[in-house]
Every structure is written in C-alpha cells, then in structure tokens.
C-alpha cells in the first residue's frame, strides 16, 4: 500500500483475500501508472520484501505491470491443515 500511495498515483485500489481448499491467495490491484517489471531490482525494498516473505512461506509471488497500465500483485500460499 505504501508503494501505491507514494509511486502509483492510483485512483482505485482493490485488495482481495481468497481461500481455496489448497491455498490462500492475496491480490492487490491498482489503476496507477504502472512500471517496467524489469526495473524492480533498481527500486526500493517494498516489492523485494513482499517476494522474500512469499518465498519464506513456501508461496508464489507474481507481479503484472506495465507503464500506464496499473499493477497487479498476487501472492499464493499453501494452506496448512
């Protein structure tokens, strides 16, 4: 959320949390200005920290973005029973 507030200039943000039989899925979508995914490592720590936390939880992290097209981040973590 901090990155969206500071960098995206989004008018709308959607946060979803969904549970399936196997996974818990977090999605964060904004309609901001987006960015070039290839330049993630050159920025700050926010997205890097999210990715590292997903990996520590044995989860998957996916980011979809392009300049002028907003951003969608999805984190999927397996449920423990």
PDB file of N, CA and C in Angstrom:
ATOM      1  N   UNK A   1       0.825  -1.190   0.000  1.00  0.00           N
ATOM      2  CA  UNK A   1       0.000   0.000   0.000  1.00  0.00           C
ATOM      3  C   UNK A   1       0.871   1.256   0.000  1.00  0.00           C
ATOM      4  N   UNK A   2       1.973   1.193   0.711  1.00  0.00           N
ATOM      5  CA  UNK A   2       2.860   2.355   0.753  1.00  0.00           C
ATOM      6  C   UNK A   2       3.384   2.689  -0.645  1.00  0.00           C
ATOM      7  N   UNK A   3       3.775   1.663  -1.405  1.00  0.00           N
ATOM      8  CA  UNK A   3       4.259   1.910  -2.770  1.00  0.00           C
ATOM      9  C   UNK A   3       3.166   2.526  -3.639  1.00  0.00           C
ATOM     10  N   UNK A   4       1.934   2.049  -3.482  1.00  0.00           N
ATOM     11  CA  UNK A   4       0.832   2.594  -4.268  1.00  0.00           C
ATOM     12  C   UNK A   4       0.638   4.070  -3.937  1.00  0.00           C
ATOM     13  N   UNK A   5       0.645   4.388  -2.649  1.00  0.00           N
ATOM     14  CA  UNK A   5       0.469   5.782  -2.235  1.00  0.00           C
ATOM     15  C   UNK A   5       1.610   6.670  -2.714  1.00  0.00           C
ATOM     16  N   UNK A   6       2.817   6.178  -2.636  1.00  0.00           N
ATOM     17  CA  UNK A   6       3.988   7.001  -2.949  1.00  0.00           C
ATOM     18  C   UNK A   6       4.298   7.111  -4.431  1.00  0.00           C
ATOM     19  N   UNK A   7       4.015   6.037  -5.199  1.00  0.00           N
ATOM     20  CA  UNK A   7       4.525   5.993  -6.571  1.00  0.00           C
ATOM     21  C   UNK A   7       3.475   5.829  -7.669  1.00  0.00           C
ATOM     22  N   UNK A   8       2.389   5.131  -7.402  1.00  0.00           N
ATOM     23  CA  UNK A   8       1.477   4.738  -8.479  1.00  0.00           C
ATOM     24  C   UNK A   8       0.533   5.836  -8.939  1.00  0.00           C
ATOM     25  N   UNK A   9       0.204   6.778  -8.036  1.00  0.00           N
ATOM     26  CA  UNK A   9      -0.783   7.805  -8.362  1.00  0.00           C
ATOM     27  C   UNK A   9      -2.105   7.168  -8.798  1.00  0.00           C
ATOM     28  N   UNK A  10      -2.484   6.100  -8.119  1.00  0.00           N
ATOM     29  CA  UNK A  10      -3.708   5.362  -8.447  1.00  0.00           C
ATOM     30  C   UNK A  10      -4.939   6.074  -7.905  1.00  0.00           C
ATOM     31  N   UNK A  11      -6.033   5.919  -8.619  1.00  0.00           N
ATOM     32  CA  UNK A  11      -7.318   6.421  -8.149  1.00  0.00           C
ATOM     33  C   UNK A  11      -8.103   5.317  -7.452  1.00  0.00           C
ATOM     34  N   UNK A  12      -7.841   4.076  -7.822  1.00  0.00           N
ATOM     35  CA  UNK A  12      -8.546   2.929  -7.248  1.00  0.00           C
ATOM     36  C   UNK A  12      -7.565   1.824  -6.889  1.00  0.00           C
ATOM     37  N   UNK A  13      -7.823   1.196  -5.740  1.00  0.00           N
ATOM     38  CA  UNK A  13      -7.020   0.067  -5.272  1.00  0.00           C
ATOM     39  C   UNK A  13      -7.988  -1.008  -4.806  1.00  0.00           C
ATOM     40  N   UNK A  14      -7.690  -2.237  -5.175  1.00  0.00           N
ATOM     41  CA  UNK A  14      -8.515  -3.363  -4.751  1.00  0.00           C
ATOM     42  C   UNK A  14      -7.628  -4.372  -4.042  1.00  0.00           C
ATOM     43  N   UNK A  15      -8.068  -4.824  -2.868  1.00  0.00           N
ATOM     44  CA  UNK A  15      -7.337  -5.846  -2.124  1.00  0.00           C
ATOM     45  C   UNK A  15      -8.281  -7.018  -1.927  1.00  0.00           C
ATOM     46  N   UNK A  16      -7.827  -8.189  -2.316  1.00  0.00           N
ATOM     47  CA  UNK A  16      -8.657  -9.381  -2.169  1.00  0.00           C
ATOM     48  C   UNK A  16      -7.919 -10.469  -1.405  1.00  0.00           C
ATOM     49  N   UNK A  17      -8.659 -11.214  -0.615  1.00  0.00           N
ATOM     50  CA  UNK A  17      -8.104 -12.354   0.112  1.00  0.00           C
ATOM     51  C   UNK A  17      -9.075 -13.511  -0.086  1.00  0.00           C
ATOM     52  N   UNK A  18      -8.574 -14.579  -0.676  1.00  0.00           N
ATOM     53  CA  UNK A  18      -9.422 -15.712  -1.041  1.00  0.00           C
ATOM     54  C   UNK A  18      -8.806 -16.998  -0.495  1.00  0.00           C
ATOM     55  N   UNK A  19      -9.651 -17.856  -0.016  1.00  0.00           N
ATOM     56  CA  UNK A  19      -9.194 -19.148   0.494  1.00  0.00           C
ATOM     57  C   UNK A  19      -9.821 -20.253  -0.339  1.00  0.00           C
ATOM     58  N   UNK A  20      -8.985 -21.160  -0.832  1.00  0.00           N
ATOM     59  CA  UNK A  20      -9.465 -22.351  -1.516  1.00  0.00           C
ATOM     60  C   UNK A  20      -9.113 -23.554  -0.649  1.00  0.00           C
ATOM     61  N   UNK A  21      -9.404 -24.716  -1.116  1.00  0.00           N
ATOM     62  CA  UNK A  21      -9.066 -25.918  -0.328  1.00  0.00           C
ATOM     63  C   UNK A  21      -7.559 -26.080  -0.127  1.00  0.00           C
ATOM     64  N   UNK A  22      -6.793 -25.633  -1.119  1.00  0.00           N
ATOM     65  CA  UNK A  22      -5.341 -25.817  -1.054  1.00  0.00           C
ATOM     66  C   UNK A  22      -4.556 -24.554  -0.697  1.00  0.00           C
ATOM     67  N   UNK A  23      -5.102 -23.371  -1.001  1.00  0.00           N
ATOM     68  CA  UNK A  23      -4.308 -22.143  -0.921  1.00  0.00           C
ATOM     69  C   UNK A  23      -5.050 -20.983  -0.275  1.00  0.00           C
ATOM     70  N   UNK A  24      -4.258 -19.994   0.123  1.00  0.00           N
ATOM     71  CA  UNK A  24      -4.761 -18.674   0.466  1.00  0.00           C
ATOM     72  C   UNK A  24      -4.115 -17.722  -0.540  1.00  0.00           C
ATOM     73  N   UNK A  25      -4.948 -16.889  -1.173  1.00  0.00           N
ATOM     74  CA  UNK A  25      -4.471 -16.026  -2.253  1.00  0.00           C
ATOM     75  C   UNK A  25      -4.762 -14.568  -1.920  1.00  0.00           C
ATOM     76  N   UNK A  26      -3.718 -13.761  -1.907  1.00  0.00           N
ATOM     77  CA  UNK A  26      -3.827 -12.325  -1.693  1.00  0.00           C
ATOM     78  C   UNK A  26      -3.586 -11.636  -3.030  1.00  0.00           C
ATOM     79  N   UNK A  27      -4.496 -10.732  -3.409  1.00  0.00           N
ATOM     80  CA  UNK A  27      -4.281  -9.946  -4.623  1.00  0.00           C
ATOM     81  C   UNK A  27      -4.416  -8.465  -4.289  1.00  0.00           C
ATOM     82  N   UNK A  28      -3.537  -7.683  -4.869  1.00  0.00           N
ATOM     83  CA  UNK A  28      -3.571  -6.222  -4.733  1.00  0.00           C
ATOM     84  C   UNK A  28      -3.495  -5.664  -6.151  1.00  0.00           C
ATOM     85  N   UNK A  29      -4.511  -4.894  -6.528  1.00  0.00           N
ATOM     86  CA  UNK A  29      -4.587  -4.345  -7.880  1.00  0.00           C
ATOM     87  C   UNK A  29      -4.808  -2.842  -7.794  1.00  0.00           C
ATOM     88  N   UNK A  30      -4.096  -2.089  -8.635  1.00  0.00           N
ATOM     89  CA  UNK A  30      -4.328  -0.655  -8.694  1.00  0.00           C
ATOM     90  C   UNK A  30      -4.408  -0.200 -10.148  1.00  0.00           C
ATOM     91  N   UNK A  31      -4.996   0.967 -10.342  1.00  0.00           N
ATOM     92  CA  UNK A  31      -5.112   1.539 -11.681  1.00  0.00           C
ATOM     93  C   UNK A  31      -4.122   2.688 -11.870  1.00  0.00           C
ATOM     94  N   UNK A  32      -3.012   2.596 -11.197  1.00  0.00           N
ATOM     95  CA  UNK A  32      -1.990   3.645 -11.262  1.00  0.00           C
ATOM     96  C   UNK A  32      -1.194   3.612 -12.547  1.00  0.00           C
ATOM     97  N   UNK A  33      -0.075   4.290 -12.501  1.00  0.00           N
ATOM     98  CA  UNK A  33       0.700   4.452 -13.725  1.00  0.00           C
ATOM     99  C   UNK A  33       1.550   3.241 -14.095  1.00  0.00           C
ATOM    100  N   UNK A  34       1.648   2.241 -13.228  1.00  0.00           N
ATOM    101  CA  UNK A  34       2.405   1.038 -13.557  1.00  0.00           C
ATOM    102  C   UNK A  34       3.894   1.309 -13.686  1.00  0.00           C
ATOM    103  N   UNK A  35       4.638   0.271 -14.053  1.00  0.00           N
ATOM    104  CA  UNK A  35       6.086   0.411 -14.196  1.00  0.00           C
ATOM    105  C   UNK A  35       6.631  -0.765 -14.992  1.00  0.00           C
ATOM    106  N   UNK A  36       7.885  -0.654 -15.376  1.00  0.00           N
ATOM    107  CA  UNK A  36       8.573  -1.708 -16.107  1.00  0.00           C
ATOM    108  C   UNK A  36       9.054  -2.751 -15.104  1.00  0.00           C
ATOM    109  N   UNK A  37       8.539  -3.955 -15.184  1.00  0.00           N
ATOM    110  CA  UNK A  37       8.869  -5.016 -14.231  1.00  0.00           C
ATOM    111  C   UNK A  37      10.365  -5.327 -14.225  1.00  0.00           C
ATOM    112  N   UNK A  38      11.034  -5.142 -15.338  1.00  0.00           N
ATOM    113  CA  UNK A  38      12.468  -5.437 -15.428  1.00  0.00           C
ATOM    114  C   UNK A  38      13.308  -4.527 -14.534  1.00  0.00           C
ATOM    115  N   UNK A  39      12.726  -3.426 -14.072  1.00  0.00           N
ATOM    116  CA  UNK A  39      13.469  -2.465 -13.255  1.00  0.00           C
ATOM    117  C   UNK A  39      13.127  -2.561 -11.768  1.00  0.00           C
ATOM    118  N   UNK A  40      12.474  -3.633 -11.332  1.00  0.00           N
ATOM    119  CA  UNK A  40      12.092  -3.791  -9.927  1.00  0.00           C
ATOM    120  C   UNK A  40      13.312  -3.745  -9.012  1.00  0.00           C
ATOM    121  N   UNK A  41      14.371  -4.459  -9.369  1.00  0.00           N
ATOM    122  CA  UNK A  41      15.545  -4.553  -8.501  1.00  0.00           C
ATOM    123  C   UNK A  41      16.266  -3.224  -8.331  1.00  0.00           C
ATOM    124  N   UNK A  42      15.985  -2.251  -9.179  1.00  0.00           N
ATOM    125  CA  UNK A  42      16.652  -0.958  -9.085  1.00  0.00           C
ATOM    126  C   UNK A  42      15.935  -0.014  -8.128  1.00  0.00           C
ATOM    127  N   UNK A  43      14.775  -0.416  -7.648  1.00  0.00           N
ATOM    128  CA  UNK A  43      13.977   0.462  -6.791  1.00  0.00           C
ATOM    129  C   UNK A  43      14.230   0.208  -5.324  1.00  0.00           C
ATOM    130  N   UNK A  44      13.189   0.460  -4.521  1.00  0.00           N
ATOM    131  CA  UNK A  44      13.293   0.297  -3.079  1.00  0.00           C
ATOM    132  C   UNK A  44      13.101  -1.148  -2.645  1.00  0.00           C
ATOM    133  N   UNK A  45      12.745  -1.306  -1.380  1.00  0.00           N
ATOM    134  CA  UNK A  45      12.663  -2.636  -0.793  1.00  0.00           C
ATOM    135  C   UNK A  45      11.252  -3.206  -0.704  1.00  0.00           C
ATOM    136  N   UNK A  46      10.209  -2.415  -0.915  1.00  0.00           N
ATOM    137  CA  UNK A  46       8.840  -2.867  -0.718  1.00  0.00           C
ATOM    138  C   UNK A  46       8.486  -4.130  -1.482  1.00  0.00           C
ATOM    139  N   UNK A  47       8.669  -4.133  -2.797  1.00  0.00           N
ATOM    140  CA  UNK A  47       8.330  -5.300  -3.604  1.00  0.00           C
ATOM    141  C   UNK A  47       9.280  -6.459  -3.345  1.00  0.00           C
ATOM    142  N   UNK A  48      10.536  -6.145  -3.124  1.00  0.00           N
ATOM    143  CA  UNK A  48      11.515  -7.188  -2.812  1.00  0.00           C
ATOM    144  C   UNK A  48      11.156  -7.890  -1.509  1.00  0.00           C
ATOM    145  N   UNK A  49      10.757  -7.129  -0.496  1.00  0.00           N
ATOM    146  CA  UNK A  49      10.359  -7.723   0.782  1.00  0.00           C
ATOM    147  C   UNK A  49       9.128  -8.608   0.628  1.00  0.00           C
ATOM    148  N   UNK A  50       8.152  -8.168  -0.180  1.00  0.00           N
ATOM    149  CA  UNK A  50       6.962  -8.992  -0.407  1.00  0.00           C
ATOM    150  C   UNK A  50       7.339 -10.327  -1.038  1.00  0.00           C
ATOM    151  N   UNK A  51       8.212 -10.281  -2.024  1.00  0.00           N
ATOM    152  CA  UNK A  51       8.644 -11.505  -2.703  1.00  0.00           C
ATOM    153  C   UNK A  51       9.363 -12.430  -1.729  1.00  0.00           C
ATOM    154  N   UNK A  52      10.273 -11.886  -0.932  1.00  0.00           N
ATOM    155  CA  UNK A  52      11.027 -12.700   0.024  1.00  0.00           C
ATOM    156  C   UNK A  52      10.104 -13.341   1.062  1.00  0.00           C
ATOM    157  N   UNK A  53       9.109 -12.609   1.531  1.00  0.00           N
ATOM    158  CA  UNK A  53       8.163 -13.154   2.516  1.00  0.00           C
ATOM    159  C   UNK A  53       7.322 -14.268   1.909  1.00  0.00           C
ATOM    160  N   UNK A  54       6.919 -14.104   0.662  1.00  0.00           N
ATOM    161  CA  UNK A  54       6.163 -15.171  -0.011  1.00  0.00           C
ATOM    162  C   UNK A  54       7.014 -16.435  -0.125  1.00  0.00           C
ATOM    163  N   UNK A  55       8.270 -16.271  -0.481  1.00  0.00           N
ATOM    164  CA  UNK A  55       9.176 -17.419  -0.615  1.00  0.00           C
ATOM    165  C   UNK A  55       9.393 -18.084   0.737  1.00  0.00           C
ATOM    166  N   UNK A  56       9.562 -17.298   1.808  1.00  0.00           N
ATOM    167  CA  UNK A  56       9.745 -17.860   3.147  1.00  0.00           C
ATOM    168  C   UNK A  56       8.541 -18.684   3.584  1.00  0.00           C
ATOM    169  N   UNK A  57       7.352 -18.335   3.093  1.00  0.00           N
ATOM    170  CA  UNK A  57       6.130 -19.058   3.442  1.00  0.00           C
ATOM    171  C   UNK A  57       5.851 -20.178   2.430  1.00  0.00           C
ATOM    172  N   UNK A  58       6.858 -20.518   1.610  1.00  0.00           N
ATOM    173  CA  UNK A  58       6.718 -21.520   0.554  1.00  0.00           C
ATOM    174  C   UNK A  58       5.591 -21.157  -0.413  1.00  0.00           C
ATOM    175  N   UNK A  59       5.457 -19.875  -0.675  1.00  0.00           N
ATOM    176  CA  UNK A  59       4.412 -19.397  -1.562  1.00  0.00           C
ATOM    177  C   UNK A  59       4.947 -18.950  -2.905  1.00  0.00           C
ATOM    178  N   UNK A  60       4.027 -18.478  -3.720  1.00  0.00           N
ATOM    179  CA  UNK A  60       4.355 -17.966  -5.047  1.00  0.00           C
ATOM    180  C   UNK A  60       3.978 -16.496  -5.103  1.00  0.00           C
ATOM    181  N   UNK A  61       4.790 -15.722  -5.795  1.00  0.00           N
ATOM    182  CA  UNK A  61       4.620 -14.278  -5.922  1.00  0.00           C
ATOM    183  C   UNK A  61       4.593 -13.952  -7.410  1.00  0.00           C
ATOM    184  N   UNK A  62       3.588 -13.229  -7.836  1.00  0.00           N
ATOM    185  CA  UNK A  62       3.508 -12.838  -9.245  1.00  0.00           C
ATOM    186  C   UNK A  62       3.135 -11.369  -9.323  1.00  0.00           C
ATOM    187  N   UNK A  63       3.812 -10.654 -10.192  1.00  0.00           N
ATOM    188  CA  UNK A  63       3.517  -9.243 -10.394  1.00  0.00           C
ATOM    189  C   UNK A  63       3.312  -8.995 -11.885  1.00  0.00           C
ATOM    190  N   UNK A  64       2.255  -8.273 -12.191  1.00  0.00           N
ATOM    191  CA  UNK A  64       1.944  -7.905 -13.562  1.00  0.00           C
ATOM    192  C   UNK A  64       1.816  -6.387 -13.602  1.00  0.00           C
ATOM    193  N   UNK A  65       2.601  -5.747 -14.456  1.00  0.00           N
ATOM    194  CA  UNK A  65       2.551  -4.297 -14.563  1.00  0.00           C
ATOM    195  C   UNK A  65       3.187  -3.873 -15.871  1.00  0.00           C
ATOM    196  N   UNK A  66       2.790  -2.705 -16.310  1.00  0.00           N
ATOM    197  CA  UNK A  66       3.408  -2.072 -17.475  1.00  0.00           C
ATOM    198  C   UNK A  66       3.167  -0.572 -17.345  1.00  0.00           C
ATOM    199  N   UNK A  67       4.083   0.230 -17.870  1.00  0.00           N
ATOM    200  CA  UNK A  67       3.883   1.678 -17.793  1.00  0.00           C
ATOM    201  C   UNK A  67       2.514   2.077 -18.358  1.00  0.00           C
ATOM    202  N   UNK A  68       1.758   2.833 -17.562  1.00  0.00           N
ATOM    203  CA  UNK A  68       0.446   3.305 -17.964  1.00  0.00           C
ATOM    204  C   UNK A  68      -0.681   2.300 -17.803  1.00  0.00           C
ATOM    205  N   UNK A  69      -0.388   1.118 -17.267  1.00  0.00           N
ATOM    206  CA  UNK A  69      -1.399   0.054 -17.226  1.00  0.00           C
ATOM    207  C   UNK A  69      -1.726  -0.450 -15.830  1.00  0.00           C
ATOM    208  N   UNK A  70      -1.281   0.213 -14.775  1.00  0.00           N
ATOM    209  CA  UNK A  70      -1.572  -0.259 -13.423  1.00  0.00           C
ATOM    210  C   UNK A  70      -0.725  -1.461 -13.042  1.00  0.00           C
ATOM    211  N   UNK A  71      -1.018  -2.005 -11.863  1.00  0.00           N
ATOM    212  CA  UNK A  71      -0.226  -3.115 -11.324  1.00  0.00           C
ATOM    213  C   UNK A  71      -1.130  -4.110 -10.622  1.00  0.00           C
ATOM    214  N   UNK A  72      -0.794  -5.387 -10.758  1.00  0.00           N
ATOM    215  CA  UNK A  72      -1.474  -6.440 -10.007  1.00  0.00           C
ATOM    216  C   UNK A  72      -0.409  -7.324  -9.376  1.00  0.00           C
ATOM    217  N   UNK A  73      -0.543  -7.524  -8.080  1.00  0.00           N
ATOM    218  CA  UNK A  73       0.358  -8.398  -7.324  1.00  0.00           C
ATOM    219  C   UNK A  73      -0.479  -9.522  -6.750  1.00  0.00           C
ATOM    220  N   UNK A  74       0.013 -10.739  -6.900  1.00  0.00           N
ATOM    221  CA  UNK A  74      -0.681 -11.910  -6.374  1.00  0.00           C
ATOM    222  C   UNK A  74       0.306 -12.747  -5.579  1.00  0.00           C
ATOM    223  N   UNK A  75      -0.117 -13.115  -4.367  1.00  0.00           N
ATOM    224  CA  UNK A  75       0.692 -13.993  -3.516  1.00  0.00           C
ATOM    225  C   UNK A  75      -0.172 -15.187  -3.163  1.00  0.00           C
ATOM    226  N   UNK A  76       0.332 -16.377  -3.466  1.00  0.00           N
ATOM    227  CA  UNK A  76      -0.396 -17.610  -3.187  1.00  0.00           C
ATOM    228  C   UNK A  76       0.422 -18.450  -2.225  1.00  0.00           C
ATOM    229  N   UNK A  77      -0.202 -18.841  -1.108  1.00  0.00           N
ATOM    230  CA  UNK A  77       0.465 -19.641  -0.086  1.00  0.00           C
ATOM    231  C   UNK A  77      -0.401 -20.870   0.186  1.00  0.00           C
ATOM    232  N   UNK A  78       0.245 -22.039   0.263  1.00  0.00           N
ATOM    233  CA  UNK A  78      -0.488 -23.265   0.547  1.00  0.00           C
ATOM    234  C   UNK A  78      -1.028 -23.269   1.970  1.00  0.00           C
ATOM    235  N   UNK A  79      -2.238 -23.815   2.112  1.00  0.00           N
ATOM    236  CA  UNK A  79      -2.862 -23.922   3.435  1.00  0.00           C
ATOM    237  C   UNK A  79      -2.223 -25.055   4.213  1.00  0.00           C
ATOM    238  N   UNK A  80      -2.086 -24.858   5.497  1.00  0.00           N
ATOM    239  CA  UNK A  80      -1.593 -25.906   6.390  1.00  0.00           C
ATOM    240  C   UNK A  80      -2.783 -26.444   7.148  1.00  0.00           C
ATOM    241  N   UNK A  81      -2.887 -27.748   7.217  1.00  0.00           N
ATOM    242  CA  UNK A  81      -4.017 -28.341   7.933  1.00  0.00           C
ATOM    243  C   UNK A  81      -3.563 -29.114   9.133  1.00  0.00           C
TER     244      UNK A  81
END
